[in-house]
């Protein structure tokens, strides 16, 4: 039993290396098995196919990320009301929740970059678009509450366009931090200004009091 566990972990470790180097499509199961010191037949004892092996590498980290995002959404939902009622304490708590996402991203940095850049051909190839859509739906809800609307039907097509763009921007900020910062400490320092940028732009967009 212990040997089986060690063999499975070795396969996952070697698969991660192969997927990072070559991407999902070009990754070779034969190479993975050779590196792990097992036969291809032995690999199929643990994983039914290449997709399941890929999922064993990225699936756990993705669940951790989704949990962190969900906690961030809950934090925002708890304090969001009229745009003029938001306090600096509310925003500080929201920043802490965003920092928790950053911690998760750097804990599994290799896996997330693999998901975002080298997952073509797998069921995760549109994961970034999926994350954007989840953020977009959350932001639409926030927009309604902060504007005092009864439903999303009150939101104009123009505002939906801007909210969707800001949803992309939020994902891009975290990707930029992962790809341009050496570690979480550096990324956390950079994120402060980025957070201010996002919050400032968000509030100004809702109030529409900058350029009329």
C-alpha atoms as a PDB file:
ATOM      1  CA  UNK A   1       0.000   0.000   0.000  1.00  0.00           C
ATOM      2  CA  UNK A   2       2.783   2.422   0.929  1.00  0.00           C
ATOM      3  CA  UNK A   3       4.665   1.563  -2.268  1.00  0.00           C
ATOM      4  CA  UNK A   4       1.514   2.286  -4.306  1.00  0.00           C
ATOM      5  CA  UNK A   5       1.180   5.673  -2.634  1.00  0.00           C
ATOM      6  CA  UNK A   6       4.819   6.520  -3.323  1.00  0.00           C
ATOM      7  CA  UNK A   7       4.514   5.388  -6.944  1.00  0.00           C
ATOM      8  CA  UNK A   8       1.435   7.550  -7.476  1.00  0.00           C
ATOM      9  CA  UNK A   9       3.136  10.585  -5.940  1.00  0.00           C
ATOM     10  CA  UNK A  10       6.203   9.987  -8.136  1.00  0.00           C
ATOM     11  CA  UNK A  11       3.994   9.849 -11.242  1.00  0.00           C
ATOM     12  CA  UNK A  12       2.327  13.127 -10.278  1.00  0.00           C
ATOM     13  CA  UNK A  13       5.711  14.736  -9.633  1.00  0.00           C
ATOM     14  CA  UNK A  14       7.081  13.613 -13.009  1.00  0.00           C
ATOM     15  CA  UNK A  15       3.853  14.545 -14.772  1.00  0.00           C
ATOM     16  CA  UNK A  16       4.018  18.043 -13.356  1.00  0.00           C
ATOM     17  CA  UNK A  17       7.540  18.465 -14.705  1.00  0.00           C
ATOM     18  CA  UNK A  18       6.570  17.135 -18.152  1.00  0.00           C
ATOM     19  CA  UNK A  19       3.422  19.265 -18.394  1.00  0.00           C
ATOM     20  CA  UNK A  20       5.292  22.412 -17.379  1.00  0.00           C
ATOM     21  CA  UNK A  21       8.048  21.794 -19.924  1.00  0.00           C
ATOM     22  CA  UNK A  22       5.887  20.749 -22.876  1.00  0.00           C
ATOM     23  CA  UNK A  23       2.298  21.717 -22.131  1.00  0.00           C
ATOM     24  CA  UNK A  24      -0.654  19.354 -21.964  1.00  0.00           C
ATOM     25  CA  UNK A  25      -0.855  18.513 -25.677  1.00  0.00           C
ATOM     26  CA  UNK A  26       2.804  17.667 -26.249  1.00  0.00           C
ATOM     27  CA  UNK A  27       3.424  15.998 -22.902  1.00  0.00           C
ATOM     28  CA  UNK A  28       4.290  12.306 -23.307  1.00  0.00           C
ATOM     29  CA  UNK A  29       2.896   9.642 -21.005  1.00  0.00           C
ATOM     30  CA  UNK A  30       5.800   7.433 -22.030  1.00  0.00           C
ATOM     31  CA  UNK A  31       8.299  10.058 -20.876  1.00  0.00           C
ATOM     32  CA  UNK A  32       6.420  10.548 -17.616  1.00  0.00           C
ATOM     33  CA  UNK A  33       6.409   6.821 -16.879  1.00  0.00           C
ATOM     34  CA  UNK A  34      10.063   6.454 -17.817  1.00  0.00           C
ATOM     35  CA  UNK A  35      11.021   9.325 -15.510  1.00  0.00           C
ATOM     36  CA  UNK A  36       8.943   7.790 -12.712  1.00  0.00           C
ATOM     37  CA  UNK A  37      10.492   4.360 -13.273  1.00  0.00           C
ATOM     38  CA  UNK A  38       7.227   2.551 -14.016  1.00  0.00           C
ATOM     39  CA  UNK A  39       5.622   0.992 -17.083  1.00  0.00           C
ATOM     40  CA  UNK A  40       2.805   2.693 -18.962  1.00  0.00           C
ATOM     41  CA  UNK A  41       0.551  -0.158 -17.846  1.00  0.00           C
ATOM     42  CA  UNK A  42       1.365   0.617 -14.229  1.00  0.00           C
ATOM     43  CA  UNK A  43       0.430   4.244 -14.796  1.00  0.00           C
ATOM     44  CA  UNK A  44      -3.036   3.171 -15.959  1.00  0.00           C
ATOM     45  CA  UNK A  45      -3.477   1.382 -12.639  1.00  0.00           C
ATOM     46  CA  UNK A  46      -3.545   4.825 -10.975  1.00  0.00           C
ATOM     47  CA  UNK A  47      -4.917   7.095 -13.709  1.00  0.00           C
ATOM     48  CA  UNK A  48      -7.374   6.210 -16.443  1.00  0.00           C
ATOM     49  CA  UNK A  49      -5.896   8.648 -18.980  1.00  0.00           C
ATOM     50  CA  UNK A  50      -3.738  11.703 -19.580  1.00  0.00           C
ATOM     51  CA  UNK A  51      -6.517  14.079 -18.548  1.00  0.00           C
ATOM     52  CA  UNK A  52      -6.901  12.470 -15.141  1.00  0.00           C
ATOM     53  CA  UNK A  53      -3.153  12.611 -14.613  1.00  0.00           C
ATOM     54  CA  UNK A  54      -3.196  16.319 -15.500  1.00  0.00           C
ATOM     55  CA  UNK A  55      -6.071  16.848 -13.090  1.00  0.00           C
ATOM     56  CA  UNK A  56      -4.058  15.198 -10.329  1.00  0.00           C
ATOM     57  CA  UNK A  57      -1.447  17.937 -10.833  1.00  0.00           C
ATOM     58  CA  UNK A  58      -3.713  21.004 -11.060  1.00  0.00           C
ATOM     59  CA  UNK A  59      -7.026  19.926  -9.535  1.00  0.00           C
ATOM     60  CA  UNK A  60      -6.108  20.366  -5.865  1.00  0.00           C
ATOM     61  CA  UNK A  61      -4.525  23.800  -6.311  1.00  0.00           C
ATOM     62  CA  UNK A  62      -7.546  24.910  -8.350  1.00  0.00           C
ATOM     63  CA  UNK A  63      -9.909  23.918  -5.530  1.00  0.00           C
ATOM     64  CA  UNK A  64      -7.771  25.915  -3.090  1.00  0.00           C
ATOM     65  CA  UNK A  65      -7.951  28.933  -5.388  1.00  0.00           C
ATOM     66  CA  UNK A  66     -11.727  28.675  -5.800  1.00  0.00           C
ATOM     67  CA  UNK A  67     -12.138  28.480  -2.012  1.00  0.00           C
ATOM     68  CA  UNK A  68     -10.005  31.623  -1.574  1.00  0.00           C
ATOM     69  CA  UNK A  69     -11.991  33.465  -4.254  1.00  0.00           C
ATOM     70  CA  UNK A  70     -15.262  32.383  -2.630  1.00  0.00           C
ATOM     71  CA  UNK A  71     -14.065  33.726   0.729  1.00  0.00           C
ATOM     72  CA  UNK A  72     -13.116  36.995  -0.989  1.00  0.00           C
ATOM     73  CA  UNK A  73     -16.580  37.228  -2.549  1.00  0.00           C
ATOM     74  CA  UNK A  74     -18.209  36.583   0.835  1.00  0.00           C
ATOM     75  CA  UNK A  75     -16.128  39.342   2.378  1.00  0.00           C
ATOM     76  CA  UNK A  76     -17.211  41.831  -0.278  1.00  0.00           C
ATOM     77  CA  UNK A  77     -20.846  40.760  -0.086  1.00  0.00           C
ATOM     78  CA  UNK A  78     -20.879  41.298   3.683  1.00  0.00           C
ATOM     79  CA  UNK A  79     -19.970  44.978   3.559  1.00  0.00           C
ATOM     80  CA  UNK A  80     -21.159  46.157   0.165  1.00  0.00           C
ATOM     81  CA  UNK A  81     -23.971  48.685   0.323  1.00  0.00           C
ATOM     82  CA  UNK A  82     -24.380  52.157  -1.037  1.00  0.00           C
ATOM     83  CA  UNK A  83     -21.173  53.365  -2.662  1.00  0.00           C
ATOM     84  CA  UNK A  84     -20.966  56.340  -0.292  1.00  0.00           C
ATOM     85  CA  UNK A  85     -21.199  54.167   2.841  1.00  0.00           C
ATOM     86  CA  UNK A  86     -18.016  52.147   2.280  1.00  0.00           C
ATOM     87  CA  UNK A  87     -15.373  52.755   4.953  1.00  0.00           C
ATOM     88  CA  UNK A  88     -11.613  52.353   4.953  1.00  0.00           C
ATOM     89  CA  UNK A  89     -12.066  49.481   7.422  1.00  0.00           C
ATOM     90  CA  UNK A  90     -14.295  47.688   4.903  1.00  0.00           C
ATOM     91  CA  UNK A  91     -11.626  48.090   2.248  1.00  0.00           C
ATOM     92  CA  UNK A  92      -8.877  46.925   4.597  1.00  0.00           C
ATOM     93  CA  UNK A  93     -10.774  43.680   5.247  1.00  0.00           C
ATOM     94  CA  UNK A  94     -11.296  43.266   1.504  1.00  0.00           C
ATOM     95  CA  UNK A  95      -7.570  43.775   0.934  1.00  0.00           C
ATOM     96  CA  UNK A  96      -6.781  41.056   3.478  1.00  0.00           C
ATOM     97  CA  UNK A  97      -9.095  38.679   1.581  1.00  0.00           C
ATOM     98  CA  UNK A  98      -7.329  39.584  -1.680  1.00  0.00           C
ATOM     99  CA  UNK A  99      -3.977  38.943   0.025  1.00  0.00           C
ATOM    100  CA  UNK A 100      -5.182  35.460   0.955  1.00  0.00           C
ATOM    101  CA  UNK A 101      -5.760  34.769  -2.751  1.00  0.00           C
ATOM    102  CA  UNK A 102      -2.238  35.972  -3.472  1.00  0.00           C
ATOM    103  CA  UNK A 103      -0.840  33.581  -0.847  1.00  0.00           C
ATOM    104  CA  UNK A 104      -2.613  30.641  -2.457  1.00  0.00           C
ATOM    105  CA  UNK A 105      -1.358  31.669  -5.894  1.00  0.00           C
ATOM    106  CA  UNK A 106       2.260  31.729  -4.780  1.00  0.00           C
ATOM    107  CA  UNK A 107       1.912  28.506  -2.814  1.00  0.00           C
ATOM    108  CA  UNK A 108       1.026  26.722  -6.058  1.00  0.00           C
ATOM    109  CA  UNK A 109       2.602  29.143  -8.513  1.00  0.00           C
ATOM    110  CA  UNK A 110       3.857  26.489 -10.948  1.00  0.00           C
ATOM    111  CA  UNK A 111       0.491  24.746 -11.087  1.00  0.00           C
ATOM    112  CA  UNK A 112      -1.432  27.981 -11.722  1.00  0.00           C
ATOM    113  CA  UNK A 113       0.919  29.145 -14.462  1.00  0.00           C
ATOM    114  CA  UNK A 114       0.549  25.700 -15.998  1.00  0.00           C
ATOM    115  CA  UNK A 115      -3.233  26.063 -15.885  1.00  0.00           C
ATOM    116  CA  UNK A 116      -3.199  29.525 -17.388  1.00  0.00           C
ATOM    117  CA  UNK A 117      -0.542  29.071 -20.048  1.00  0.00           C
ATOM    118  CA  UNK A 118      -0.131  25.390 -20.964  1.00  0.00           C
ATOM    119  CA  UNK A 119      -3.500  23.680 -20.469  1.00  0.00           C
ATOM    120  CA  UNK A 120      -4.577  23.825 -24.138  1.00  0.00           C
ATOM    121  CA  UNK A 121      -6.171  20.548 -25.152  1.00  0.00           C
ATOM    122  CA  UNK A 122      -7.353  19.695 -21.638  1.00  0.00           C
ATOM    123  CA  UNK A 123     -10.700  20.399 -20.012  1.00  0.00           C
ATOM    124  CA  UNK A 124      -9.018  23.305 -18.225  1.00  0.00           C
ATOM    125  CA  UNK A 125      -7.957  25.175 -21.363  1.00  0.00           C
ATOM    126  CA  UNK A 126     -10.574  27.914 -20.805  1.00  0.00           C
ATOM    127  CA  UNK A 127     -10.060  28.208 -17.063  1.00  0.00           C
ATOM    128  CA  UNK A 128      -9.135  31.909 -17.262  1.00  0.00           C
ATOM    129  CA  UNK A 129     -12.350  32.707 -19.152  1.00  0.00           C
ATOM    130  CA  UNK A 130     -14.289  30.686 -16.570  1.00  0.00           C
ATOM    131  CA  UNK A 131     -12.745  32.658 -13.703  1.00  0.00           C
ATOM    132  CA  UNK A 132     -13.501  35.936 -15.461  1.00  0.00           C
ATOM    133  CA  UNK A 133     -17.164  34.960 -15.845  1.00  0.00           C
ATOM    134  CA  UNK A 134     -17.440  34.085 -12.151  1.00  0.00           C
ATOM    135  CA  UNK A 135     -15.928  37.417 -11.183  1.00  0.00           C
ATOM    136  CA  UNK A 136     -18.165  39.194 -13.672  1.00  0.00           C
ATOM    137  CA  UNK A 137     -21.348  37.716 -12.172  1.00  0.00           C
ATOM    138  CA  UNK A 138     -20.159  38.690  -8.692  1.00  0.00           C
ATOM    139  CA  UNK A 139     -19.317  42.223  -9.810  1.00  0.00           C
ATOM    140  CA  UNK A 140     -22.723  42.636 -11.448  1.00  0.00           C
ATOM    141  CA  UNK A 141     -24.330  41.740  -8.129  1.00  0.00           C
ATOM    142  CA  UNK A 142     -22.096  44.247  -6.357  1.00  0.00           C
ATOM    143  CA  UNK A 143     -22.893  46.892  -8.949  1.00  0.00           C
ATOM    144  CA  UNK A 144     -26.635  46.424  -8.398  1.00  0.00           C
ATOM    145  CA  UNK A 145     -26.325  46.721  -4.634  1.00  0.00           C
ATOM    146  CA  UNK A 146     -24.042  49.742  -4.735  1.00  0.00           C
ATOM    147  CA  UNK A 147     -26.303  51.548  -7.208  1.00  0.00           C
ATOM    148  CA  UNK A 148     -29.433  50.588  -5.287  1.00  0.00           C
ATOM    149  CA  UNK A 149     -30.941  48.674  -8.209  1.00  0.00           C
ATOM    150  CA  UNK A 150     -33.598  46.034  -7.647  1.00  0.00           C
ATOM    151  CA  UNK A 151     -32.160  43.645 -10.260  1.00  0.00           C
ATOM    152  CA  UNK A 152     -29.511  43.247 -12.953  1.00  0.00           C
ATOM    153  CA  UNK A 153     -32.129  44.294 -15.507  1.00  0.00           C
ATOM    154  CA  UNK A 154     -31.483  47.887 -14.456  1.00  0.00           C
ATOM    155  CA  UNK A 155     -27.833  47.721 -15.532  1.00  0.00           C
ATOM    156  CA  UNK A 156     -27.151  49.258 -18.927  1.00  0.00           C
ATOM    157  CA  UNK A 157     -25.234  47.513 -21.709  1.00  0.00           C
ATOM    158  CA  UNK A 158     -22.523  50.153 -21.346  1.00  0.00           C
ATOM    159  CA  UNK A 159     -22.075  49.405 -17.652  1.00  0.00           C
ATOM    160  CA  UNK A 160     -22.040  45.638 -18.286  1.00  0.00           C
ATOM    161  CA  UNK A 161     -19.239  46.225 -20.793  1.00  0.00           C
ATOM    162  CA  UNK A 162     -17.178  48.119 -18.201  1.00  0.00           C
ATOM    163  CA  UNK A 163     -17.856  45.585 -15.433  1.00  0.00           C
ATOM    164  CA  UNK A 164     -16.785  42.757 -17.735  1.00  0.00           C
ATOM    165  CA  UNK A 165     -13.580  44.600 -18.607  1.00  0.00           C
ATOM    166  CA  UNK A 166     -12.817  45.163 -14.909  1.00  0.00           C
ATOM    167  CA  UNK A 167     -13.360  41.449 -14.301  1.00  0.00           C
ATOM    168  CA  UNK A 168     -10.676  40.683 -16.891  1.00  0.00           C
ATOM    169  CA  UNK A 169      -8.468  43.334 -15.307  1.00  0.00           C
ATOM    170  CA  UNK A 170      -8.713  41.701 -11.884  1.00  0.00           C
ATOM    171  CA  UNK A 171      -7.510  38.370 -13.256  1.00  0.00           C
ATOM    172  CA  UNK A 172      -4.754  40.116 -15.230  1.00  0.00           C
ATOM    173  CA  UNK A 173      -3.488  41.807 -12.063  1.00  0.00           C
ATOM    174  CA  UNK A 174      -2.911  38.484 -10.305  1.00  0.00           C
ATOM    175  CA  UNK A 175      -1.336  36.952 -13.415  1.00  0.00           C
ATOM    176  CA  UNK A 176       0.972  39.967 -13.696  1.00  0.00           C
ATOM    177  CA  UNK A 177       2.008  39.584 -10.057  1.00  0.00           C
ATOM    178  CA  UNK A 178       2.799  35.893 -10.523  1.00  0.00           C
ATOM    179  CA  UNK A 179       4.798  36.410 -13.697  1.00  0.00           C
ATOM    180  CA  UNK A 180       6.703  39.544 -12.669  1.00  0.00           C
ATOM    181  CA  UNK A 181       7.399  39.073  -8.948  1.00  0.00           C
ATOM    182  CA  UNK A 182       9.984  36.717  -7.498  1.00  0.00           C
ATOM    183  CA  UNK A 183       8.023  35.881  -4.372  1.00  0.00           C
ATOM    184  CA  UNK A 184       4.864  36.545  -2.394  1.00  0.00           C
ATOM    185  CA  UNK A 185       6.472  39.302  -0.298  1.00  0.00           C
ATOM    186  CA  UNK A 186       7.376  41.327  -3.385  1.00  0.00           C
ATOM    187  CA  UNK A 187       3.968  40.656  -4.937  1.00  0.00           C
ATOM    188  CA  UNK A 188       2.190  41.766  -1.766  1.00  0.00           C
ATOM    189  CA  UNK A 189       4.056  45.063  -1.808  1.00  0.00           C
ATOM    190  CA  UNK A 190       3.140  45.664  -5.445  1.00  0.00           C
ATOM    191  CA  UNK A 191      -0.469  44.635  -4.910  1.00  0.00           C
ATOM    192  CA  UNK A 192      -1.164  47.547  -2.566  1.00  0.00           C
ATOM    193  CA  UNK A 193      -1.002  50.077  -5.381  1.00  0.00           C
ATOM    194  CA  UNK A 194      -2.856  47.749  -7.733  1.00  0.00           C
ATOM    195  CA  UNK A 195      -5.603  47.299  -5.153  1.00  0.00           C
ATOM    196  CA  UNK A 196      -5.925  51.079  -4.796  1.00  0.00           C
ATOM    197  CA  UNK A 197      -6.126  51.359  -8.574  1.00  0.00           C
ATOM    198  CA  UNK A 198      -8.884  48.753  -8.802  1.00  0.00           C
ATOM    199  CA  UNK A 199     -10.931  50.163  -5.919  1.00  0.00           C
ATOM    200  CA  UNK A 200     -10.532  53.736  -7.123  1.00  0.00           C
ATOM    201  CA  UNK A 201     -11.536  52.826 -10.648  1.00  0.00           C
ATOM    202  CA  UNK A 202     -14.455  50.735  -9.428  1.00  0.00           C
ATOM    203  CA  UNK A 203     -15.878  53.486  -7.200  1.00  0.00           C
ATOM    204  CA  UNK A 204     -15.350  56.191  -9.817  1.00  0.00           C
ATOM    205  CA  UNK A 205     -17.084  54.061 -12.447  1.00  0.00           C
ATOM    206  CA  UNK A 206     -20.125  53.583 -10.237  1.00  0.00           C
ATOM    207  CA  UNK A 207     -20.323  57.224  -9.157  1.00  0.00           C
ATOM    208  CA  UNK A 208     -19.478  58.481 -12.647  1.00  0.00           C
ATOM    209  CA  UNK A 209     -18.124  61.670 -11.069  1.00  0.00           C
ATOM    210  CA  UNK A 210     -14.743  61.982 -12.800  1.00  0.00           C
ATOM    211  CA  UNK A 211     -15.579  62.542 -16.464  1.00  0.00           C
ATOM    212  CA  UNK A 212     -19.207  63.370 -17.240  1.00  0.00           C
END
